[in-house]
Amino acid sequence: MRLLFLLFVLSGLVSAVETGGTSALARSQAASVRVPAVRIAFTQTKELAILDQPLVTTGSLEIDRVGARLRWQFDRGATLILAADRLRRWGADGREEDLGHDPSAQAMAGQMRGFLGGNWGSLGELFTIEDATQVIRCRPRSPAIGRYLEELTIAIDTQGVPTQLVLRAPGGDVTTYQFAEPDLSWKATDQRFSGP
């Protein structure tokens, strides 16, 4: 779970990233405008150097762009909800956790905003970004972040939809999120963004 939290350390202010018409960033931003609500199932695979077998978990992202809300849920774990520009988290036991002034929680909220608006350029304050046609590759600007994360890559399909997110950590640990085909028929309800 710590590596997941490190993913969300990647937020920042919008950077001056070149996003030509065929770049992955440009396609992702354009796609987010066309899709007001979507549900995307994912499989998270953690390959940790200390384990012989990868850890595999499933979950889903539910994005309501009209209401500016996002739900990130692990099927047998935590639920995170960003709504009214406030991040809340519930543990696997269903109890809400106090995020207080936790800087990683604030960074997590920023990354969730990236999913919400399709604007991966917001990673530019903390990372150098290579924006190619199919992959957005981010490398830490500071040694402090580099201690935890060597590289983040986001694969974007031709329609602008993220298909895979890969985090590479020093020491050989790799966490991969493989996203399923988006469910565009999913409808947002207030209940989905009020708690687990």
N, C-alpha and C. Protein backbone atom coordinates (compact mmCIF):
# COMPACT_ATOMS: atom_id res chain seq x y z
N MET A 1 0.83 -1.20 0.00
CA MET A 1 0.00 0.00 0.00
C MET A 1 0.87 1.25 0.00
N ARG A 2 2.06 1.16 0.60
CA ARG A 2 2.94 2.33 0.65
C ARG A 2 3.29 2.80 -0.76
N LEU A 3 3.52 1.85 -1.69
CA LEU A 3 3.86 2.24 -3.05
C LEU A 3 2.69 2.96 -3.71
N LEU A 4 1.46 2.53 -3.40
CA LEU A 4 0.30 3.24 -3.93
C LEU A 4 0.29 4.68 -3.45
N PHE A 5 0.59 4.89 -2.17
CA PHE A 5 0.61 6.25 -1.66
C PHE A 5 1.70 7.07 -2.35
N LEU A 6 2.81 6.43 -2.67
CA LEU A 6 3.88 7.15 -3.35
C LEU A 6 3.45 7.61 -4.73
N LEU A 7 2.59 6.84 -5.37
CA LEU A 7 2.06 7.26 -6.66
C LEU A 7 1.45 8.65 -6.55
N PHE A 8 0.76 8.90 -5.45
CA PHE A 8 0.03 10.14 -5.32
C PHE A 8 0.89 11.30 -4.85
N VAL A 9 2.18 11.05 -4.63
CA VAL A 9 3.10 12.12 -4.34
C VAL A 9 3.40 12.88 -5.63
N LEU A 10 2.84 12.42 -6.73
CA LEU A 10 3.18 12.95 -8.03
C LEU A 10 2.42 14.19 -8.45
N SER A 11 1.61 14.75 -7.58
CA SER A 11 0.82 15.89 -8.01
C SER A 11 1.63 17.17 -7.95
N GLY A 12 1.16 18.19 -8.64
CA GLY A 12 1.83 19.48 -8.65
C GLY A 12 1.00 20.44 -9.46
N LEU A 13 1.57 21.56 -9.79
CA LEU A 13 0.88 22.53 -10.60
C LEU A 13 1.03 22.17 -12.07
N VAL A 14 0.14 22.67 -12.91
CA VAL A 14 0.21 22.38 -14.33
C VAL A 14 1.52 22.93 -14.87
N SER A 15 2.23 22.09 -15.60
CA SER A 15 3.51 22.51 -16.16
C SER A 15 3.37 22.87 -17.63
N ALA A 16 4.42 23.45 -18.14
CA ALA A 16 4.44 23.82 -19.55
C ALA A 16 4.94 22.64 -20.35
N VAL A 17 4.08 21.67 -20.60
CA VAL A 17 4.43 20.49 -21.36
C VAL A 17 3.90 20.66 -22.77
N GLU A 18 4.75 20.38 -23.75
CA GLU A 18 4.30 20.45 -25.14
C GLU A 18 3.30 19.33 -25.38
N THR A 19 2.12 19.66 -25.82
CA THR A 19 1.11 18.65 -26.08
C THR A 19 0.54 18.85 -27.47
N GLY A 20 1.30 18.41 -28.44
CA GLY A 20 0.83 18.48 -29.82
C GLY A 20 -0.40 17.63 -30.00
N GLY A 21 -1.06 17.75 -31.13
CA GLY A 21 -2.32 17.07 -31.38
C GLY A 21 -2.26 15.56 -31.25
N THR A 22 -1.09 14.94 -31.44
CA THR A 22 -1.01 13.48 -31.36
C THR A 22 -0.37 13.00 -30.08
N SER A 23 -0.05 13.88 -29.17
CA SER A 23 0.60 13.45 -27.93
C SER A 23 -0.40 12.74 -27.02
N ALA A 24 0.15 11.89 -26.16
CA ALA A 24 -0.69 11.16 -25.21
C ALA A 24 -1.41 12.11 -24.27
N LEU A 25 -0.73 13.16 -23.80
CA LEU A 25 -1.37 14.13 -22.91
C LEU A 25 -2.54 14.82 -23.59
N ALA A 26 -2.35 15.25 -24.81
CA ALA A 26 -3.43 15.95 -25.52
C ALA A 26 -4.63 15.04 -25.74
N ARG A 27 -4.39 13.78 -26.11
CA ARG A 27 -5.50 12.84 -26.33
C ARG A 27 -6.23 12.54 -25.02
N SER A 28 -5.49 12.41 -23.93
CA SER A 28 -6.11 12.13 -22.64
C SER A 28 -7.00 13.28 -22.19
N GLN A 29 -6.52 14.51 -22.35
CA GLN A 29 -7.31 15.67 -21.97
C GLN A 29 -8.56 15.79 -22.84
N ALA A 30 -8.42 15.55 -24.14
CA ALA A 30 -9.57 15.63 -25.04
C ALA A 30 -10.61 14.56 -24.70
N ALA A 31 -10.15 13.35 -24.37
CA ALA A 31 -11.07 12.26 -24.03
C ALA A 31 -11.86 12.58 -22.78
N SER A 32 -11.22 13.22 -21.81
CA SER A 32 -11.92 13.52 -20.55
C SER A 32 -13.07 14.49 -20.76
N VAL A 33 -12.96 15.34 -21.75
CA VAL A 33 -14.04 16.29 -22.05
C VAL A 33 -15.25 15.56 -22.64
N ARG A 34 -14.99 14.50 -23.41
CA ARG A 34 -16.06 13.77 -24.09
C ARG A 34 -16.79 12.78 -23.18
N VAL A 35 -16.21 12.44 -22.03
CA VAL A 35 -16.78 11.39 -21.18
C VAL A 35 -17.17 11.99 -19.83
N PRO A 36 -18.46 12.25 -19.61
CA PRO A 36 -18.88 12.87 -18.35
C PRO A 36 -18.83 11.94 -17.14
N ALA A 37 -19.02 10.63 -17.35
CA ALA A 37 -18.98 9.66 -16.25
C ALA A 37 -18.47 8.33 -16.78
N VAL A 38 -17.65 7.66 -15.99
CA VAL A 38 -17.08 6.38 -16.45
C VAL A 38 -16.67 5.55 -15.24
N ARG A 39 -16.76 4.25 -15.40
CA ARG A 39 -16.26 3.30 -14.40
C ARG A 39 -15.21 2.44 -15.09
N ILE A 40 -14.04 2.30 -14.45
CA ILE A 40 -12.95 1.52 -15.03
C ILE A 40 -12.45 0.54 -13.98
N ALA A 41 -12.60 -0.74 -14.26
CA ALA A 41 -12.05 -1.76 -13.37
C ALA A 41 -10.54 -1.84 -13.59
N PHE A 42 -9.81 -2.22 -12.55
CA PHE A 42 -8.37 -2.38 -12.71
C PHE A 42 -7.87 -3.59 -11.95
N THR A 43 -6.72 -4.06 -12.36
CA THR A 43 -5.98 -5.09 -11.65
C THR A 43 -4.65 -4.49 -11.27
N GLN A 44 -4.33 -4.53 -9.97
CA GLN A 44 -3.06 -4.04 -9.48
C GLN A 44 -2.16 -5.25 -9.22
N THR A 45 -0.96 -5.23 -9.80
CA THR A 45 0.01 -6.29 -9.59
C THR A 45 1.26 -5.67 -8.99
N LYS A 46 1.62 -6.14 -7.79
CA LYS A 46 2.84 -5.66 -7.12
C LYS A 46 3.88 -6.76 -7.20
N GLU A 47 4.99 -6.44 -7.85
CA GLU A 47 6.12 -7.37 -7.91
C GLU A 47 7.19 -6.79 -6.98
N LEU A 48 7.28 -7.37 -5.80
CA LEU A 48 8.19 -6.88 -4.77
C LEU A 48 9.42 -7.79 -4.70
N ALA A 49 10.58 -7.16 -4.62
CA ALA A 49 11.84 -7.91 -4.60
C ALA A 49 11.89 -8.92 -3.45
N ILE A 50 11.22 -8.66 -2.35
CA ILE A 50 11.29 -9.55 -1.18
C ILE A 50 10.33 -10.73 -1.27
N LEU A 51 9.46 -10.76 -2.30
CA LEU A 51 8.49 -11.84 -2.43
C LEU A 51 8.75 -12.67 -3.68
N ASP A 52 8.45 -13.97 -3.59
CA ASP A 52 8.62 -14.86 -4.73
C ASP A 52 7.50 -14.72 -5.75
N GLN A 53 6.31 -14.38 -5.28
CA GLN A 53 5.15 -14.28 -6.15
C GLN A 53 4.58 -12.86 -6.08
N PRO A 54 4.04 -12.36 -7.18
CA PRO A 54 3.44 -11.03 -7.15
C PRO A 54 2.14 -11.02 -6.32
N LEU A 55 1.81 -9.85 -5.76
CA LEU A 55 0.55 -9.64 -5.07
C LEU A 55 -0.43 -9.03 -6.07
N VAL A 56 -1.59 -9.64 -6.20
CA VAL A 56 -2.56 -9.17 -7.18
C VAL A 56 -3.85 -8.78 -6.46
N THR A 57 -4.32 -7.58 -6.74
CA THR A 57 -5.59 -7.08 -6.18
C THR A 57 -6.40 -6.47 -7.32
N THR A 58 -7.70 -6.41 -7.11
CA THR A 58 -8.58 -5.79 -8.11
C THR A 58 -9.33 -4.64 -7.47
N GLY A 59 -9.87 -3.81 -8.32
CA GLY A 59 -10.64 -2.68 -7.83
C GLY A 59 -11.23 -1.91 -8.99
N SER A 60 -11.66 -0.69 -8.70
CA SER A 60 -12.27 0.11 -9.75
C SER A 60 -12.10 1.60 -9.46
N LEU A 61 -12.12 2.35 -10.54
CA LEU A 61 -12.19 3.81 -10.49
C LEU A 61 -13.56 4.20 -11.01
N GLU A 62 -14.24 5.08 -10.29
CA GLU A 62 -15.51 5.62 -10.76
C GLU A 62 -15.34 7.12 -10.83
N ILE A 63 -15.53 7.66 -12.01
CA ILE A 63 -15.25 9.07 -12.24
C ILE A 63 -16.52 9.77 -12.69
N ASP A 64 -16.90 10.80 -11.95
CA ASP A 64 -18.04 11.65 -12.27
C ASP A 64 -17.48 13.04 -12.55
N ARG A 65 -17.22 13.34 -13.81
CA ARG A 65 -16.61 14.62 -14.15
C ARG A 65 -17.59 15.78 -14.00
N VAL A 66 -18.87 15.54 -14.20
CA VAL A 66 -19.87 16.59 -14.03
C VAL A 66 -19.90 17.06 -12.58
N GLY A 67 -19.86 16.12 -11.64
CA GLY A 67 -19.87 16.44 -10.22
C GLY A 67 -18.49 16.63 -9.63
N ALA A 68 -17.44 16.48 -10.46
CA ALA A 68 -16.04 16.60 -10.00
C ALA A 68 -15.77 15.66 -8.83
N ARG A 69 -16.10 14.35 -9.03
CA ARG A 69 -15.94 13.36 -7.96
C ARG A 69 -15.25 12.12 -8.53
N LEU A 70 -14.46 11.48 -7.68
CA LEU A 70 -13.78 10.25 -8.07
C LEU A 70 -13.74 9.28 -6.90
N ARG A 71 -14.02 8.02 -7.19
CA ARG A 71 -13.97 6.96 -6.19
C ARG A 71 -12.93 5.94 -6.65
N TRP A 72 -11.92 5.67 -5.80
CA TRP A 72 -10.89 4.68 -6.09
C TRP A 72 -11.05 3.60 -5.03
N GLN A 73 -11.49 2.42 -5.46
CA GLN A 73 -11.83 1.37 -4.50
C GLN A 73 -11.10 0.08 -4.82
N PHE A 74 -10.49 -0.50 -3.78
CA PHE A 74 -9.92 -1.83 -3.88
C PHE A 74 -10.99 -2.80 -3.40
N ASP A 75 -11.21 -3.89 -4.15
CA ASP A 75 -12.31 -4.80 -3.83
C ASP A 75 -12.26 -5.34 -2.40
N ARG A 76 -11.08 -5.65 -1.89
CA ARG A 76 -10.97 -6.14 -0.51
C ARG A 76 -10.01 -5.25 0.27
N GLY A 77 -10.21 -3.95 0.14
CA GLY A 77 -9.29 -3.05 0.82
C GLY A 77 -9.87 -1.66 0.99
N ALA A 78 -9.01 -0.69 0.85
CA ALA A 78 -9.36 0.70 1.11
C ALA A 78 -10.26 1.29 0.03
N THR A 79 -10.98 2.32 0.40
CA THR A 79 -11.77 3.13 -0.52
C THR A 79 -11.36 4.58 -0.33
N LEU A 80 -11.06 5.24 -1.43
CA LEU A 80 -10.72 6.66 -1.40
C LEU A 80 -11.74 7.41 -2.24
N ILE A 81 -12.21 8.53 -1.70
CA ILE A 81 -13.19 9.33 -2.43
C ILE A 81 -12.74 10.78 -2.43
N LEU A 82 -12.69 11.35 -3.62
CA LEU A 82 -12.43 12.77 -3.78
C LEU A 82 -13.74 13.40 -4.23
N ALA A 83 -14.30 14.26 -3.38
CA ALA A 83 -15.57 14.94 -3.69
C ALA A 83 -15.55 16.30 -3.00
N ALA A 84 -16.11 17.29 -3.64
CA ALA A 84 -16.09 18.67 -3.12
C ALA A 84 -14.66 19.09 -2.81
N ASP A 85 -13.74 18.61 -3.65
CA ASP A 85 -12.30 18.90 -3.53
C ASP A 85 -11.72 18.48 -2.19
N ARG A 86 -12.33 17.46 -1.57
CA ARG A 86 -11.86 16.92 -0.29
C ARG A 86 -11.64 15.43 -0.44
N LEU A 87 -10.48 14.96 0.03
CA LEU A 87 -10.17 13.54 -0.02
C LEU A 87 -10.54 12.88 1.30
N ARG A 88 -11.22 11.72 1.19
CA ARG A 88 -11.56 10.91 2.36
C ARG A 88 -11.12 9.48 2.07
N ARG A 89 -10.75 8.76 3.14
CA ARG A 89 -10.29 7.38 2.99
C ARG A 89 -10.90 6.51 4.07
N TRP A 90 -11.34 5.30 3.65
CA TRP A 90 -11.86 4.29 4.56
C TRP A 90 -10.99 3.05 4.44
N GLY A 91 -10.67 2.43 5.55
CA GLY A 91 -9.89 1.21 5.55
C GLY A 91 -10.74 0.02 5.13
N ALA A 92 -10.09 -1.14 5.03
CA ALA A 92 -10.79 -2.37 4.65
C ALA A 92 -11.91 -2.71 5.62
N ASP A 93 -11.78 -2.23 6.86
CA ASP A 93 -12.81 -2.50 7.88
C ASP A 93 -14.01 -1.55 7.77
N GLY A 94 -13.97 -0.61 6.83
CA GLY A 94 -15.08 0.31 6.63
C GLY A 94 -15.04 1.56 7.48
N ARG A 95 -14.02 1.67 8.35
CA ARG A 95 -13.91 2.85 9.20
C ARG A 95 -13.15 3.96 8.49
N GLU A 96 -13.66 5.18 8.64
CA GLU A 96 -12.99 6.31 8.02
C GLU A 96 -11.72 6.63 8.79
N GLU A 97 -10.67 6.92 8.05
CA GLU A 97 -9.37 7.26 8.63
C GLU A 97 -9.20 8.78 8.64
N ASP A 98 -8.54 9.28 9.66
CA ASP A 98 -8.27 10.71 9.76
C ASP A 98 -7.01 11.02 8.97
N LEU A 99 -7.16 11.75 7.88
CA LEU A 99 -6.01 12.10 7.06
C LEU A 99 -5.28 13.33 7.57
N GLY A 100 -5.95 14.10 8.43
CA GLY A 100 -5.32 15.27 9.04
C GLY A 100 -4.58 16.12 8.04
N HIS A 101 -3.34 16.44 8.37
CA HIS A 101 -2.52 17.25 7.49
C HIS A 101 -1.46 16.40 6.79
N ASP A 102 -1.77 15.14 6.60
CA ASP A 102 -0.84 14.21 5.96
C ASP A 102 -0.48 14.70 4.56
N PRO A 103 0.80 15.04 4.30
CA PRO A 103 1.18 15.56 2.99
C PRO A 103 0.96 14.55 1.87
N SER A 104 1.12 13.24 2.18
CA SER A 104 0.89 12.25 1.12
C SER A 104 -0.58 12.21 0.73
N ALA A 105 -1.48 12.48 1.68
CA ALA A 105 -2.91 12.52 1.36
C ALA A 105 -3.23 13.70 0.45
N GLN A 106 -2.59 14.84 0.72
CA GLN A 106 -2.83 16.01 -0.14
C GLN A 106 -2.29 15.75 -1.54
N ALA A 107 -1.13 15.11 -1.61
CA ALA A 107 -0.56 14.76 -2.91
C ALA A 107 -1.44 13.75 -3.63
N MET A 108 -2.02 12.82 -2.86
CA MET A 108 -2.93 11.83 -3.44
C MET A 108 -4.13 12.52 -4.07
N ALA A 109 -4.66 13.49 -3.39
CA ALA A 109 -5.81 14.23 -3.92
C ALA A 109 -5.45 14.89 -5.24
N GLY A 110 -4.24 15.42 -5.32
CA GLY A 110 -3.80 16.04 -6.57
C GLY A 110 -3.72 15.05 -7.71
N GLN A 111 -3.22 13.85 -7.43
CA GLN A 111 -3.14 12.83 -8.48
C GLN A 111 -4.53 12.38 -8.91
N MET A 112 -5.44 12.25 -7.96
CA MET A 112 -6.80 11.86 -8.31
C MET A 112 -7.43 12.93 -9.19
N ARG A 113 -7.08 14.18 -8.97
CA ARG A 113 -7.56 15.25 -9.85
C ARG A 113 -7.07 15.03 -11.28
N GLY A 114 -5.87 14.45 -11.43
CA GLY A 114 -5.36 14.13 -12.76
C GLY A 114 -6.25 13.12 -13.46
N PHE A 115 -6.66 12.07 -12.74
CA PHE A 115 -7.58 11.10 -13.31
C PHE A 115 -8.92 11.77 -13.63
N LEU A 116 -9.35 12.64 -12.75
CA LEU A 116 -10.64 13.29 -12.92
C LEU A 116 -10.71 14.13 -14.18
N GLY A 117 -9.66 14.91 -14.43
CA GLY A 117 -9.67 15.80 -15.58
C GLY A 117 -8.86 15.36 -16.76
N GLY A 118 -8.16 14.22 -16.65
CA GLY A 118 -7.34 13.75 -17.76
C GLY A 118 -6.11 14.60 -17.98
N ASN A 119 -5.75 15.43 -17.01
CA ASN A 119 -4.61 16.33 -17.16
C ASN A 119 -3.39 15.77 -16.46
N TRP A 120 -2.64 14.92 -17.15
CA TRP A 120 -1.43 14.33 -16.59
C TRP A 120 -0.29 15.33 -16.59
N GLY A 121 -0.45 16.45 -17.25
CA GLY A 121 0.57 17.49 -17.23
C GLY A 121 0.80 18.05 -15.84
N SER A 122 -0.14 17.83 -14.93
CA SER A 122 0.00 18.34 -13.57
C SER A 122 1.14 17.66 -12.83
N LEU A 123 1.69 16.60 -13.37
CA LEU A 123 2.82 15.92 -12.76
C LEU A 123 4.12 16.70 -12.95
N GLY A 124 4.09 17.73 -13.81
CA GLY A 124 5.30 18.42 -14.23
C GLY A 124 6.06 19.17 -13.18
N GLU A 125 5.45 19.52 -12.07
CA GLU A 125 6.20 20.23 -11.04
C GLU A 125 7.21 19.34 -10.35
N LEU A 126 6.86 18.08 -10.12
CA LEU A 126 7.75 17.18 -9.41
C LEU A 126 8.51 16.23 -10.31
N PHE A 127 8.11 16.15 -11.59
CA PHE A 127 8.73 15.20 -12.50
C PHE A 127 9.07 15.84 -13.83
N THR A 128 10.10 15.32 -14.47
CA THR A 128 10.31 15.66 -15.87
C THR A 128 9.39 14.73 -16.65
N ILE A 129 8.75 15.26 -17.67
CA ILE A 129 7.76 14.48 -18.41
C ILE A 129 8.20 14.35 -19.85
N GLU A 130 8.19 13.10 -20.32
CA GLU A 130 8.36 12.82 -21.74
C GLU A 130 6.99 12.42 -22.24
N ASP A 131 6.46 13.19 -23.14
CA ASP A 131 5.11 12.96 -23.66
C ASP A 131 5.21 12.44 -25.08
N ALA A 132 5.15 11.13 -25.23
CA ALA A 132 5.23 10.51 -26.55
C ALA A 132 3.83 10.24 -27.06
N THR A 133 3.74 9.52 -28.15
CA THR A 133 2.43 9.25 -28.75
C THR A 133 1.59 8.30 -27.92
N GLN A 134 2.21 7.27 -27.33
CA GLN A 134 1.46 6.26 -26.60
C GLN A 134 1.73 6.25 -25.09
N VAL A 135 2.83 6.84 -24.66
CA VAL A 135 3.24 6.72 -23.26
C VAL A 135 3.67 8.08 -22.70
N ILE A 136 3.23 8.35 -21.50
CA ILE A 136 3.71 9.51 -20.75
C ILE A 136 4.68 8.95 -19.71
N ARG A 137 5.93 9.37 -19.78
CA ARG A 137 6.97 8.85 -18.89
C ARG A 137 7.40 9.97 -17.96
N CYS A 138 7.36 9.71 -16.65
CA CYS A 138 7.69 10.72 -15.64
C CYS A 138 8.85 10.22 -14.78
N ARG A 139 9.85 11.09 -14.62
CA ARG A 139 11.00 10.78 -13.76
C ARG A 139 11.14 11.88 -12.73
N PRO A 140 11.46 11.52 -11.48
CA PRO A 140 11.52 12.52 -10.41
C PRO A 140 12.54 13.61 -10.66
N ARG A 141 12.17 14.82 -10.31
CA ARG A 141 13.09 15.95 -10.39
C ARG A 141 14.01 16.01 -9.17
N SER A 142 13.52 15.54 -8.02
CA SER A 142 14.30 15.66 -6.78
C SER A 142 14.78 14.30 -6.28
N PRO A 143 15.95 14.27 -5.65
CA PRO A 143 16.44 13.02 -5.05
C PRO A 143 15.50 12.50 -3.96
N ALA A 144 14.79 13.39 -3.27
CA ALA A 144 13.88 12.96 -2.20
C ALA A 144 12.80 12.03 -2.76
N ILE A 145 12.21 12.39 -3.89
CA ILE A 145 11.19 11.52 -4.50
C ILE A 145 11.87 10.31 -5.13
N GLY A 146 13.05 10.52 -5.70
CA GLY A 146 13.79 9.43 -6.33
C GLY A 146 14.14 8.30 -5.39
N ARG A 147 14.17 8.58 -4.09
CA ARG A 147 14.42 7.51 -3.11
C ARG A 147 13.29 6.49 -3.10
N TYR A 148 12.10 6.92 -3.50
CA TYR A 148 10.93 6.05 -3.45
C TYR A 148 10.42 5.60 -4.81
N LEU A 149 10.69 6.41 -5.83
CA LEU A 149 10.13 6.13 -7.14
C LEU A 149 11.11 6.54 -8.22
N GLU A 150 11.47 5.59 -9.08
CA GLU A 150 12.40 5.89 -10.17
C GLU A 150 11.67 6.41 -11.40
N GLU A 151 10.50 5.83 -11.67
CA GLU A 151 9.81 6.19 -12.90
C GLU A 151 8.33 5.83 -12.79
N LEU A 152 7.52 6.65 -13.41
CA LEU A 152 6.09 6.41 -13.55
C LEU A 152 5.79 6.48 -15.04
N THR A 153 5.11 5.48 -15.57
CA THR A 153 4.68 5.54 -16.97
C THR A 153 3.18 5.32 -17.04
N ILE A 154 2.55 6.09 -17.92
CA ILE A 154 1.11 5.98 -18.14
C ILE A 154 0.92 5.71 -19.63
N ALA A 155 0.37 4.56 -19.96
CA ALA A 155 0.08 4.21 -21.35
C ALA A 155 -1.31 4.74 -21.70
N ILE A 156 -1.41 5.43 -22.83
CA ILE A 156 -2.66 6.03 -23.29
C ILE A 156 -3.00 5.44 -24.66
N ASP A 157 -4.23 4.96 -24.84
CA ASP A 157 -4.59 4.39 -26.14
C ASP A 157 -4.91 5.48 -27.15
N THR A 158 -5.25 5.08 -28.36
CA THR A 158 -5.47 6.06 -29.43
C THR A 158 -6.68 6.95 -29.17
N GLN A 159 -7.59 6.52 -28.28
CA GLN A 159 -8.76 7.32 -27.95
C GLN A 159 -8.51 8.27 -26.76
N GLY A 160 -7.33 8.15 -26.14
CA GLY A 160 -7.00 9.02 -25.02
C GLY A 160 -7.30 8.43 -23.66
N VAL A 161 -7.56 7.12 -23.60
CA VAL A 161 -7.91 6.46 -22.36
C VAL A 161 -6.67 5.80 -21.75
N PRO A 162 -6.39 6.03 -20.45
CA PRO A 162 -5.27 5.34 -19.82
C PRO A 162 -5.53 3.83 -19.80
N THR A 163 -4.56 3.04 -20.26
CA THR A 163 -4.70 1.59 -20.26
C THR A 163 -3.82 0.92 -19.22
N GLN A 164 -2.74 1.61 -18.83
CA GLN A 164 -1.82 1.02 -17.86
C GLN A 164 -1.05 2.12 -17.15
N LEU A 165 -0.78 1.87 -15.87
CA LEU A 165 0.02 2.78 -15.06
C LEU A 165 1.08 1.90 -14.39
N VAL A 166 2.36 2.25 -14.54
CA VAL A 166 3.44 1.45 -13.99
C VAL A 166 4.32 2.33 -13.12
N LEU A 167 4.58 1.86 -11.89
CA LEU A 167 5.47 2.55 -10.96
C LEU A 167 6.69 1.67 -10.71
N ARG A 168 7.86 2.23 -10.97
CA ARG A 168 9.10 1.50 -10.72
C ARG A 168 9.83 2.16 -9.56
N ALA A 169 10.13 1.35 -8.54
CA ALA A 169 10.80 1.85 -7.35
C ALA A 169 12.23 1.35 -7.31
N PRO A 170 13.11 2.07 -6.61
CA PRO A 170 14.48 1.57 -6.44
C PRO A 170 14.45 0.19 -5.78
N GLY A 171 15.38 -0.64 -6.14
CA GLY A 171 15.42 -1.98 -5.57
C GLY A 171 14.66 -3.00 -6.37
N GLY A 172 14.02 -2.58 -7.46
CA GLY A 172 13.36 -3.53 -8.34
C GLY A 172 11.87 -3.73 -8.12
N ASP A 173 11.26 -3.05 -7.16
CA ASP A 173 9.82 -3.20 -6.96
C ASP A 173 9.06 -2.51 -8.09
N VAL A 174 8.04 -3.21 -8.61
CA VAL A 174 7.23 -2.66 -9.70
C VAL A 174 5.75 -2.87 -9.35
N THR A 175 4.97 -1.80 -9.45
CA THR A 175 3.52 -1.90 -9.28
C THR A 175 2.87 -1.50 -10.58
N THR A 176 2.00 -2.37 -11.09
CA THR A 176 1.34 -2.13 -12.37
C THR A 176 -0.17 -2.12 -12.17
N TYR A 177 -0.82 -1.10 -12.70
CA TYR A 177 -2.27 -1.04 -12.76
C TYR A 177 -2.66 -1.27 -14.21
N GLN A 178 -3.39 -2.34 -14.46
CA GLN A 178 -3.89 -2.64 -15.80
C GLN A 178 -5.37 -2.27 -15.80
N PHE A 179 -5.76 -1.32 -16.63
CA PHE A 179 -7.13 -0.85 -16.65
C PHE A 179 -7.94 -1.59 -17.71
N ALA A 180 -9.15 -1.99 -17.34
CA ALA A 180 -10.06 -2.68 -18.26
C ALA A 180 -10.71 -1.65 -19.18
N GLU A 181 -11.47 -2.15 -20.11
CA GLU A 181 -12.22 -1.29 -21.02
C GLU A 181 -13.18 -0.43 -20.19
N PRO A 182 -13.21 0.88 -20.42
CA PRO A 182 -14.09 1.75 -19.65
C PRO A 182 -15.57 1.40 -19.85
N ASP A 183 -16.34 1.46 -18.76
CA ASP A 183 -17.78 1.25 -18.83
C ASP A 183 -18.43 2.63 -18.93
N LEU A 184 -18.79 3.01 -20.15
CA LEU A 184 -19.37 4.33 -20.39
C LEU A 184 -20.85 4.38 -20.06
N SER A 185 -21.47 3.22 -19.79
CA SER A 185 -22.89 3.21 -19.44
C SER A 185 -23.10 3.43 -17.94
N TRP A 186 -22.02 3.41 -17.17
CA TRP A 186 -22.12 3.60 -15.72
C TRP A 186 -22.67 4.99 -15.41
N LYS A 187 -23.55 5.05 -14.43
CA LYS A 187 -24.16 6.32 -14.02
C LYS A 187 -23.75 6.66 -12.59
N ALA A 188 -23.34 7.88 -12.38
CA ALA A 188 -22.92 8.34 -11.06
C ALA A 188 -24.14 8.59 -10.17
N THR A 189 -24.03 8.20 -8.89
CA THR A 189 -25.05 8.52 -7.91
C THR A 189 -24.36 9.15 -6.70
N ASP A 190 -25.07 9.96 -5.97
CA ASP A 190 -24.50 10.63 -4.79
C ASP A 190 -24.01 9.60 -3.77
N GLN A 191 -24.73 8.48 -3.63
CA GLN A 191 -24.38 7.45 -2.65
C GLN A 191 -22.98 6.90 -2.90
N ARG A 192 -22.55 6.74 -4.16
CA ARG A 192 -21.23 6.18 -4.48
C ARG A 192 -20.11 7.09 -4.00
N PHE A 193 -20.40 8.35 -3.76
CA PHE A 193 -19.35 9.30 -3.39
C PHE A 193 -19.51 9.82 -1.95
N SER A 194 -20.31 9.09 -1.16
CA SER A 194 -20.52 9.51 0.23
C SER A 194 -19.82 8.60 1.24
N GLY A 195 -19.41 7.41 0.83
CA GLY A 195 -18.74 6.48 1.73
C GLY A 195 -18.55 5.13 1.10
N PRO A 196 -17.98 4.19 1.85
CA PRO A 196 -17.68 2.88 1.28
C PRO A 196 -18.95 2.08 1.00
